[in-house]
């Protein structure tokens, strides 16, 4: 049969304009990654935190794929810039929105729908033959964005339950839409229609040449106020009183279903906190290497899955009513440190290495009792923790290479942090501290994951 190819050569964008637009898209994808990540620990709803973890990784992947295409278009793989100063200021304004309702409206009713529409327009308007890689990429990203928008709309339907809340959501959306139009949208070229009947996408509609902003592009700093712990919804609660933990989590047989219930309920906090802390790092530490940020976003996605796994196990496998016992205050304080390596040197390199041994012990004990589902879940969780330990091992070593004094200061700080954590858990379980904590980033300490299991449940 004869081949029919109805595609025509010609599109609206030169290679230069194409790359400039992709750099604008990459800027917004990274902004969305950082916004959702940075908001996570102040968003009370556990289900929202989990989905933020998924979406943060989606935006990180989108930014990475856009970078790959930028490199193919003879531009820098790390290129990202707001098209105009006004669009950068709009992103800053959205970052500072105070409530969950306003933030969700901003992302899922304004920014993401605009980005989806822009992707579809770009894919339709560029040359379908010479720019096929861009077309395929943007259609893929548009589909992902549409799934985000659908989730956000469903959440807003349930979050804005009263007439006043609905009115407020509409007002916020109208205000942000006005600001978006006034600044020319993500490309600074106006809000472009992605489809018009009988309208050509040929050369006569090519946009005017514009200048790259590069180092003159508007930048702002994302900083989260220091908190004592993540914000979580009722009935979850926090305590630094050892007696609260003894009353809630005591079991005559720690390997009974009751004992596993207590262990998993305490583990849930670690999954929530680590989802939150990965997001906070992504928002507050843009200076970190992009490859490292991708790994942090991937860990956030892992931890978001762990929230769902552990919460479901607590309720459906172990008969827990979530929130029946406290969560500790012994961990979060490290996430207020300015040094990003301090945020992972203890949690990833020590605590998650310990958790690997703990989860292995849980699996073995569950198998002996015939708790097959608990054993399987523990095994899967342990597999993910190895990746997170390797993340800290690799990046702490790489970022402290040729900085022996800094590494020694980091190690001293980490030891003191461990003593503080062990002091709290020692008051709960009466356990004695290890003679010397092992950190996976210290050469020769790779066997830390094979240490005896610890009663400390956290990461």
Protein backbone atom coordinates (compact mmCIF):
# COMPACT_ATOMS: atom_id res chain seq x y z
CA UNK A 1 0.00 0.00 0.00
CA UNK A 2 1.26 3.53 -0.70
CA UNK A 3 2.48 5.56 2.25
CA UNK A 4 0.47 8.67 3.07
CA UNK A 5 2.36 11.38 5.00
CA UNK A 6 0.25 14.48 5.52
CA UNK A 7 2.82 16.28 7.61
CA UNK A 8 4.23 19.48 6.14
CA UNK A 9 7.60 21.09 6.67
CA UNK A 10 7.45 24.34 8.57
CA UNK A 11 6.71 25.59 12.05
CA UNK A 12 6.65 28.74 14.12
CA UNK A 13 9.93 28.32 15.99
CA UNK A 14 13.56 28.62 15.04
CA UNK A 15 16.04 26.42 16.88
CA UNK A 16 16.94 29.42 19.04
CA UNK A 17 13.33 30.23 19.94
CA UNK A 18 12.61 26.55 20.55
CA UNK A 19 15.49 26.31 23.04
CA UNK A 20 14.50 29.55 24.71
CA UNK A 21 10.98 28.28 25.30
CA UNK A 22 12.24 24.97 26.65
CA UNK A 23 14.44 26.88 29.10
CA UNK A 24 11.32 28.80 30.21
CA UNK A 25 9.43 25.50 30.68
CA UNK A 26 12.32 24.00 32.60
CA UNK A 27 12.31 27.00 34.93
CA UNK A 28 8.63 26.47 35.73
CA UNK A 29 9.01 22.70 36.17
CA UNK A 30 11.79 23.33 38.70
CA UNK A 31 9.69 25.99 40.41
CA UNK A 32 6.82 23.51 40.77
CA UNK A 33 9.22 20.86 42.08
CA UNK A 34 10.57 23.26 44.70
CA UNK A 35 7.19 24.73 45.65
CA UNK A 36 5.48 21.41 46.28
CA UNK A 37 8.59 20.10 48.01
CA UNK A 38 8.93 23.13 50.25
CA UNK A 39 5.24 23.20 51.12
CA UNK A 40 5.08 19.52 51.99
CA UNK A 41 6.12 19.77 55.65
CA UNK A 42 3.56 22.52 56.34
CA UNK A 43 0.72 20.68 54.60
CA UNK A 44 -1.15 18.78 57.34
CA UNK A 45 -2.92 16.12 55.25
CA UNK A 46 -0.92 12.89 55.04
CA UNK A 47 -2.53 11.97 51.71
CA UNK A 48 -1.48 15.31 50.20
CA UNK A 49 2.09 14.86 51.40
CA UNK A 50 2.24 11.49 49.66
CA UNK A 51 0.94 12.86 46.37
CA UNK A 52 3.28 15.84 46.57
CA UNK A 53 6.10 13.29 46.71
CA UNK A 54 4.92 11.74 43.46
CA UNK A 55 4.42 15.08 41.74
CA UNK A 56 7.79 16.49 42.87
CA UNK A 57 9.54 13.57 41.21
CA UNK A 58 7.41 14.02 38.07
CA UNK A 59 8.50 17.65 37.82
CA UNK A 60 12.13 16.70 38.42
CA UNK A 61 11.95 14.16 35.60
CA UNK A 62 10.27 16.72 33.34
CA UNK A 63 13.05 19.22 34.03
CA UNK A 64 15.67 16.55 33.33
CA UNK A 65 14.08 15.56 30.01
CA UNK A 66 13.77 19.21 28.98
CA UNK A 67 17.46 19.61 29.81
CA UNK A 68 18.31 16.68 27.58
CA UNK A 69 16.39 18.24 24.66
CA UNK A 70 17.99 21.63 25.33
CA UNK A 71 21.42 20.04 24.96
CA UNK A 72 20.35 18.53 21.65
CA UNK A 73 19.32 22.02 20.50
CA UNK A 74 22.84 23.35 21.19
CA UNK A 75 21.83 24.97 24.46
CA UNK A 76 22.96 24.29 28.01
CA UNK A 77 21.50 21.20 29.63
CA UNK A 78 21.00 23.15 32.87
CA UNK A 79 19.38 26.13 31.14
CA UNK A 80 16.39 27.52 32.99
CA UNK A 81 15.13 31.05 33.24
CA UNK A 82 11.87 32.95 33.63
CA UNK A 83 10.88 34.62 30.36
CA UNK A 84 10.35 37.90 32.17
CA UNK A 85 11.09 39.35 35.57
CA UNK A 86 7.32 39.61 36.09
CA UNK A 87 6.90 35.84 35.69
CA UNK A 88 9.69 35.22 38.20
CA UNK A 89 7.94 37.55 40.64
CA UNK A 90 4.66 35.71 40.07
CA UNK A 91 6.36 32.45 41.08
CA UNK A 92 7.75 34.17 44.18
CA UNK A 93 4.28 35.46 45.05
CA UNK A 94 2.83 31.95 44.71
CA UNK A 95 5.63 30.44 46.82
CA UNK A 96 4.63 32.78 49.66
CA UNK A 97 0.91 31.94 49.60
CA UNK A 98 -0.02 31.05 53.20
CA UNK A 99 -2.73 28.38 53.01
CA UNK A 100 -3.06 24.93 51.51
CA UNK A 101 -6.20 25.97 49.62
CA UNK A 102 -4.46 28.92 47.96
CA UNK A 103 -1.39 26.86 47.11
CA UNK A 104 -3.41 24.07 45.52
CA UNK A 105 -5.41 26.57 43.48
CA UNK A 106 -2.20 28.23 42.30
CA UNK A 107 -0.58 24.99 41.16
CA UNK A 108 -3.48 22.85 39.95
CA UNK A 109 -5.87 25.49 38.59
CA UNK A 110 -3.44 28.07 37.26
CA UNK A 111 0.21 27.08 36.71
CA UNK A 112 -0.16 23.44 35.65
CA UNK A 113 -3.18 24.01 33.34
CA UNK A 114 -1.28 26.88 31.72
CA UNK A 115 1.80 24.70 31.30
CA UNK A 116 -0.23 21.84 29.79
CA UNK A 117 -1.88 24.22 27.32
CA UNK A 118 1.48 25.72 26.41
CA UNK A 119 3.02 22.28 25.84
CA UNK A 120 0.18 21.28 23.52
CA UNK A 121 0.41 24.57 21.65
CA UNK A 122 4.16 24.20 21.21
CA UNK A 123 3.83 20.61 20.02
CA UNK A 124 1.20 21.68 17.47
CA UNK A 125 3.06 24.78 16.28
CA UNK A 126 6.60 23.48 15.87
CA UNK A 127 7.81 21.67 12.76
CA UNK A 128 6.40 18.11 13.04
CA UNK A 129 9.28 16.58 11.08
CA UNK A 130 12.46 18.42 11.98
CA UNK A 131 11.41 18.88 15.62
CA UNK A 132 9.85 15.49 16.29
CA UNK A 133 11.83 14.96 19.56
CA UNK A 134 10.31 18.12 21.04
CA UNK A 135 6.82 17.14 19.89
CA UNK A 136 7.07 13.70 21.50
CA UNK A 137 8.51 15.12 24.72
CA UNK A 138 5.94 17.88 25.16
CA UNK A 139 3.00 15.59 24.48
CA UNK A 140 4.38 13.22 27.13
CA UNK A 141 4.75 16.06 29.63
CA UNK A 142 1.31 17.44 28.83
CA UNK A 143 -0.27 14.06 29.61
CA UNK A 144 1.54 13.93 32.94
CA UNK A 145 0.45 17.47 33.76
CA UNK A 146 -3.17 16.65 32.95
CA UNK A 147 -3.08 13.83 35.51
CA UNK A 148 -1.81 16.31 38.10
CA UNK A 149 -4.56 18.79 37.27
CA UNK A 150 -7.22 16.07 37.63
CA UNK A 151 -5.89 15.13 41.08
CA UNK A 152 -5.75 18.76 42.16
CA UNK A 153 -9.29 19.44 41.03
CA UNK A 154 -10.59 16.39 42.90
CA UNK A 155 -8.78 17.49 46.06
CA UNK A 156 -10.07 21.06 45.80
CA UNK A 157 -13.62 19.74 45.42
CA UNK A 158 -13.30 18.09 48.82
CA UNK A 159 -11.11 20.75 50.46
CA UNK A 160 -13.39 23.70 49.62
CA UNK A 161 -16.56 22.35 51.22
CA UNK A 162 -18.38 25.56 52.10
CA UNK A 163 -19.70 28.34 49.89
CA UNK A 164 -17.18 30.76 51.42
CA UNK A 165 -14.29 28.38 50.72
CA UNK A 166 -15.45 27.92 47.13
CA UNK A 167 -15.70 31.67 46.73
CA UNK A 168 -12.23 32.12 48.15
CA UNK A 169 -10.79 29.53 45.74
CA UNK A 170 -12.40 31.30 42.79
CA UNK A 171 -11.09 34.68 43.96
CA UNK A 172 -7.55 33.35 44.32
CA UNK A 173 -7.74 31.74 40.89
CA UNK A 174 -9.05 34.93 39.27
CA UNK A 175 -6.29 37.01 40.87
CA UNK A 176 -3.54 34.62 39.78
CA UNK A 177 -4.96 34.28 36.26
CA UNK A 178 -4.88 38.08 35.98
CA UNK A 179 -1.26 38.17 37.12
CA UNK A 180 -0.38 35.36 34.70
CA UNK A 181 -1.89 37.19 31.73
CA UNK A 182 -0.26 40.49 32.70
CA UNK A 183 3.23 38.93 32.77
CA UNK A 184 2.79 37.16 29.44
CA UNK A 185 2.70 33.60 30.75
CA UNK A 186 5.57 31.15 30.97
CA UNK A 187 7.11 32.27 27.67
CA UNK A 188 6.41 35.98 28.08
CA UNK A 189 4.69 35.84 24.67
CA UNK A 190 1.14 35.96 25.98
CA UNK A 191 -1.39 33.20 26.52
CA UNK A 192 -1.18 31.34 23.23
CA UNK A 193 -4.05 29.29 21.83
CA UNK A 194 -2.96 25.77 21.06
CA UNK A 195 -5.64 25.09 18.42
CA UNK A 196 -7.63 27.30 16.08
CA UNK A 197 -9.88 26.02 13.28
CA UNK A 198 -8.40 26.57 9.83
CA UNK A 199 -5.43 28.50 11.25
CA UNK A 200 -1.97 27.81 9.86
CA UNK A 201 1.09 27.10 11.99
CA UNK A 202 3.41 28.14 9.20
CA UNK A 203 6.19 30.68 9.07
CA UNK A 204 4.08 33.84 8.96
CA UNK A 205 3.23 33.34 12.62
CA UNK A 206 6.80 33.03 13.88
CA UNK A 207 7.36 35.03 17.08
CA UNK A 208 9.73 37.97 17.12
CA UNK A 209 13.30 37.34 18.18
CA UNK A 210 13.91 38.00 21.88
CA UNK A 211 16.94 38.29 24.11
CA UNK A 212 18.02 35.68 26.62
CA UNK A 213 18.06 36.96 30.20
CA UNK A 214 20.67 34.42 31.44
CA UNK A 215 22.46 35.98 34.44
CA UNK A 216 20.03 38.91 34.49
CA UNK A 217 17.05 36.62 35.07
CA UNK A 218 15.05 37.29 38.23
CA UNK A 219 15.94 35.00 41.12
CA UNK A 220 14.51 34.68 44.60
CA UNK A 221 15.32 32.56 47.62
CA UNK A 222 12.98 29.96 49.10
CA UNK A 223 13.25 29.65 52.87
CA UNK A 224 10.92 27.77 55.20
CA UNK A 225 10.40 29.00 58.78
CA UNK A 226 12.09 26.69 61.33
CA UNK A 227 9.58 24.38 62.98
CA UNK A 228 9.81 21.94 65.87
CA UNK A 229 8.29 19.21 63.71
CA UNK A 230 6.38 18.67 60.49
CA UNK A 231 2.80 19.87 60.42
CA UNK A 232 0.41 16.90 60.44
CA UNK A 233 -3.32 16.48 60.69
CA UNK A 234 -5.25 15.18 63.68
CA UNK A 235 -5.26 12.66 65.28
CA UNK A 236 -1.45 12.48 64.90
CA UNK A 237 0.47 14.12 67.72
CA UNK A 238 4.02 14.68 68.94
CA UNK A 239 5.70 14.24 72.29
CA UNK A 240 9.14 14.37 73.88
CA UNK A 241 7.89 12.61 77.01
CA UNK A 242 9.26 9.03 77.21
CA UNK A 243 6.27 7.96 79.33
CA UNK A 244 3.90 8.71 76.44
CA UNK A 245 5.81 6.26 74.26
CA UNK A 246 5.97 3.60 76.96
CA UNK A 247 2.22 3.76 77.53
CA UNK A 248 1.32 3.68 73.84
CA UNK A 249 3.85 1.21 72.47
CA UNK A 250 4.38 -1.41 75.18
CA UNK A 251 3.69 -5.05 74.26
CA UNK A 252 4.37 -8.22 76.24
CA UNK A 253 5.55 -9.89 73.04
CA UNK A 254 7.24 -7.43 70.71
CA UNK A 255 6.93 -9.86 67.77
CA UNK A 256 3.19 -10.35 68.14
CA UNK A 257 0.81 -8.52 65.84
CA UNK A 258 0.44 -5.92 68.59
CA UNK A 259 4.20 -5.50 68.71
CA UNK A 260 4.40 -5.09 64.94
CA UNK A 261 1.54 -2.61 65.11
CA UNK A 262 3.58 -0.42 67.45
CA UNK A 263 6.68 -0.70 65.26
CA UNK A 264 4.91 0.20 62.03
CA UNK A 265 3.01 3.08 63.62
CA UNK A 266 6.30 4.59 64.75
CA UNK A 267 7.86 3.88 61.35
CA UNK A 268 5.06 5.88 59.72
CA UNK A 269 6.49 9.03 61.25
CA UNK A 270 9.85 8.33 59.66
CA UNK A 271 8.23 7.98 56.24
CA UNK A 272 6.25 11.21 56.65
CA UNK A 273 9.22 13.15 57.99
CA UNK A 274 11.57 11.94 55.28
CA UNK A 275 9.09 12.85 52.55
CA UNK A 276 8.91 16.31 54.11
CA UNK A 277 12.66 16.72 54.59
CA UNK A 278 13.51 15.72 51.02
CA UNK A 279 11.05 18.31 49.73
CA UNK A 280 12.42 20.96 52.08
CA UNK A 281 15.97 20.31 50.84
CA UNK A 282 14.88 20.62 47.21
CA UNK A 283 13.26 23.98 47.94
CA UNK A 284 16.02 25.47 50.08
CA UNK A 285 19.18 24.11 48.43
CA UNK A 286 19.06 24.93 44.69
CA UNK A 287 22.86 25.17 44.66
CA UNK A 288 23.26 21.40 44.96
CA UNK A 289 24.31 19.51 41.81
CA UNK A 290 21.33 18.72 39.59
CA UNK A 291 22.09 15.00 39.61
CA UNK A 292 21.94 15.04 43.41
CA UNK A 293 18.65 16.94 43.34
CA UNK A 294 17.23 14.31 41.02
CA UNK A 295 18.19 11.64 43.55
CA UNK A 296 16.61 13.64 46.39
CA UNK A 297 13.40 13.92 44.35
CA UNK A 298 13.52 10.18 43.69
CA UNK A 299 13.90 9.52 47.41
CA UNK A 300 10.93 11.80 48.11
CA UNK A 301 8.91 9.66 45.71
CA UNK A 302 10.10 6.50 47.49
CA UNK A 303 9.16 7.90 50.89
CA UNK A 304 5.75 8.98 49.59
CA UNK A 305 5.12 5.39 48.54
CA UNK A 306 6.29 4.27 51.97
CA UNK A 307 3.72 6.53 53.63
CA UNK A 308 0.99 4.72 51.71
CA UNK A 309 2.47 1.27 52.34
CA UNK A 310 3.02 1.72 56.07
CA UNK A 311 -0.29 3.48 56.74
CA UNK A 312 -2.17 0.76 54.87
CA UNK A 313 -0.27 -1.96 56.72
CA UNK A 314 -1.09 -0.32 60.06
CA UNK A 315 -4.80 -0.15 59.33
CA UNK A 316 -5.48 -3.24 57.21
CA UNK A 317 -2.88 -5.76 58.37
CA UNK A 318 -2.30 -4.76 61.98
CA UNK A 319 -5.64 -3.32 63.08
CA UNK A 320 -4.31 0.10 64.11
CA UNK A 321 -6.32 3.27 64.48
CA UNK A 322 -3.84 5.81 63.17
CA UNK A 323 -2.76 8.40 65.70
CA UNK A 324 -3.15 6.17 68.75
CA UNK A 325 0.44 6.80 69.82
CA UNK A 326 2.83 9.78 69.66
CA UNK A 327 5.48 10.68 67.17
CA UNK A 328 8.90 11.87 68.47
CA UNK A 329 10.52 15.30 68.41
CA UNK A 330 14.01 13.82 68.28
CA UNK A 331 14.59 14.07 64.54
CA UNK A 332 13.21 17.12 62.74
CA UNK A 333 15.50 19.74 64.29
CA UNK A 334 18.29 18.72 61.89
CA UNK A 335 16.19 19.87 58.94
CA UNK A 336 16.51 23.47 60.12
CA UNK A 337 20.28 23.35 59.55
CA UNK A 338 21.66 25.60 56.79
CA UNK A 339 24.20 22.97 55.73
CA UNK A 340 22.40 20.47 53.45
CA UNK A 341 24.93 17.72 54.24
CA UNK A 342 23.99 17.89 57.91
CA UNK A 343 20.44 17.13 56.86
CA UNK A 344 21.46 13.78 55.37
CA UNK A 345 24.65 12.80 57.22
CA UNK A 346 22.70 11.38 60.19
CA UNK A 347 19.30 10.58 58.70
CA UNK A 348 20.44 8.86 55.50
CA UNK A 349 23.94 7.71 56.36
CA UNK A 350 23.31 6.47 59.91
CA UNK A 351 19.57 6.12 60.61
CA UNK A 352 18.57 4.54 57.30
CA UNK A 353 21.55 2.19 57.48
CA UNK A 354 20.32 1.15 60.94
CA UNK A 355 16.80 0.84 59.59
CA UNK A 356 18.01 -1.67 57.02
CA UNK A 357 19.14 -3.95 59.87
CA UNK A 358 15.91 -3.29 61.74
CA UNK A 359 13.73 -4.15 58.74
CA UNK A 360 15.74 -7.31 58.11
CA UNK A 361 15.06 -8.35 61.70
CA UNK A 362 11.35 -7.54 61.27
CA UNK A 363 11.23 -9.69 58.14
CA UNK A 364 12.92 -12.61 59.84
CA UNK A 365 10.68 -12.47 62.91
CA UNK A 366 7.54 -12.06 60.80
CA UNK A 367 8.49 -15.09 58.71
CA UNK A 368 8.93 -17.17 61.88
CA UNK A 369 5.43 -16.16 63.06
CA UNK A 370 3.82 -16.74 59.68
CA UNK A 371 3.08 -13.06 59.09
CA UNK A 372 3.88 -13.34 55.40
CA UNK A 373 2.52 -9.95 54.34
CA UNK A 374 4.45 -8.12 57.06
CA UNK A 375 7.62 -10.00 56.07
CA UNK A 376 7.15 -9.07 52.41
CA UNK A 377 6.51 -5.41 53.16
CA UNK A 378 9.57 -5.22 55.40
CA UNK A 379 11.68 -6.74 52.65
CA UNK A 380 10.52 -4.21 50.04
CA UNK A 381 11.05 -1.29 52.41
CA UNK A 382 14.55 -2.49 53.20
CA UNK A 383 15.41 -2.63 49.49
CA UNK A 384 14.56 1.06 49.07
CA UNK A 385 16.57 2.09 52.12
CA UNK A 386 19.78 0.83 50.51
CA UNK A 387 19.34 3.36 47.69
CA UNK A 388 18.89 6.16 50.21
CA UNK A 389 22.00 5.18 52.14
CA UNK A 390 24.00 5.14 48.90
CA UNK A 391 22.70 8.64 48.09
CA UNK A 392 24.24 10.11 51.23
CA UNK A 393 27.40 8.01 50.96
CA UNK A 394 28.10 9.17 47.43
CA UNK A 395 27.28 12.86 47.79
CA UNK A 396 28.81 13.49 51.20
CA UNK A 397 32.03 11.93 49.95
CA UNK A 398 31.95 13.83 46.67
CA UNK A 399 31.08 17.22 48.19
CA UNK A 400 33.69 16.91 50.96
CA UNK A 401 36.45 15.63 48.71
CA UNK A 402 39.62 17.66 49.27
CA UNK A 403 37.95 19.30 52.28
CA UNK A 404 39.25 17.21 55.20
CA UNK A 405 38.57 19.86 57.85
CA UNK A 406 34.98 20.31 56.72
CA UNK A 407 34.49 16.53 56.69
CA UNK A 408 35.84 16.27 60.21
CA UNK A 409 33.51 19.04 61.43
CA UNK A 410 30.59 17.28 59.74
CA UNK A 411 31.52 14.00 61.37
CA UNK A 412 31.82 15.60 64.83
CA UNK A 413 28.44 17.29 64.40
CA UNK A 414 26.88 14.01 63.25
CA UNK A 415 28.19 12.13 66.28
CA UNK A 416 26.67 14.73 68.60
CA UNK A 417 23.36 14.53 66.75
CA UNK A 418 23.30 10.75 67.13
CA UNK A 419 23.95 11.05 70.86
CA UNK A 420 20.99 13.39 71.16
CA UNK A 421 18.72 10.91 69.34
CA UNK A 422 20.05 7.92 71.27
CA UNK A 423 19.49 9.81 74.51
CA UNK A 424 15.79 10.13 73.80
CA UNK A 425 15.29 6.52 72.74
CA UNK A 426 17.42 5.32 75.63
CA UNK A 427 14.96 7.01 78.00
CA UNK A 428 12.12 5.11 76.29
CA UNK A 429 13.66 1.66 75.85
CA UNK A 430 16.45 1.75 78.41
CA UNK A 431 18.92 0.88 75.66
CA UNK A 432 22.54 1.89 75.86
CA UNK A 433 24.22 3.93 73.14
CA UNK A 434 26.67 2.31 70.75
CA UNK A 435 30.30 2.99 71.56
CA UNK A 436 30.81 4.70 68.20
CA UNK A 437 28.07 5.42 65.65
CA UNK A 438 28.88 4.29 62.12
CA UNK A 439 28.25 6.56 59.12
CA UNK A 440 28.21 5.09 55.65
CA UNK A 441 30.11 8.03 54.14
CA UNK A 442 33.16 7.26 56.31
CA UNK A 443 35.57 5.02 54.43
CA UNK A 444 35.54 1.53 55.88
CA UNK A 445 32.05 1.89 57.39
CA UNK A 446 30.11 0.37 54.48
CA UNK A 447 29.23 -2.60 56.68
CA UNK A 448 27.06 -0.36 58.90
CA UNK A 449 23.93 -1.92 57.43
CA UNK A 450 25.01 -5.27 58.89
CA UNK A 451 25.09 -3.95 62.45
CA UNK A 452 22.71 -5.51 65.00
CA UNK A 453 19.19 -4.11 64.82
CA UNK A 454 18.49 -1.04 66.95
CA UNK A 455 15.32 -0.21 68.91
CA UNK A 456 15.51 3.26 67.32
CA UNK A 457 12.82 3.51 64.66
CA UNK A 458 13.44 6.50 62.45
CA UNK A 459 15.13 7.76 59.32
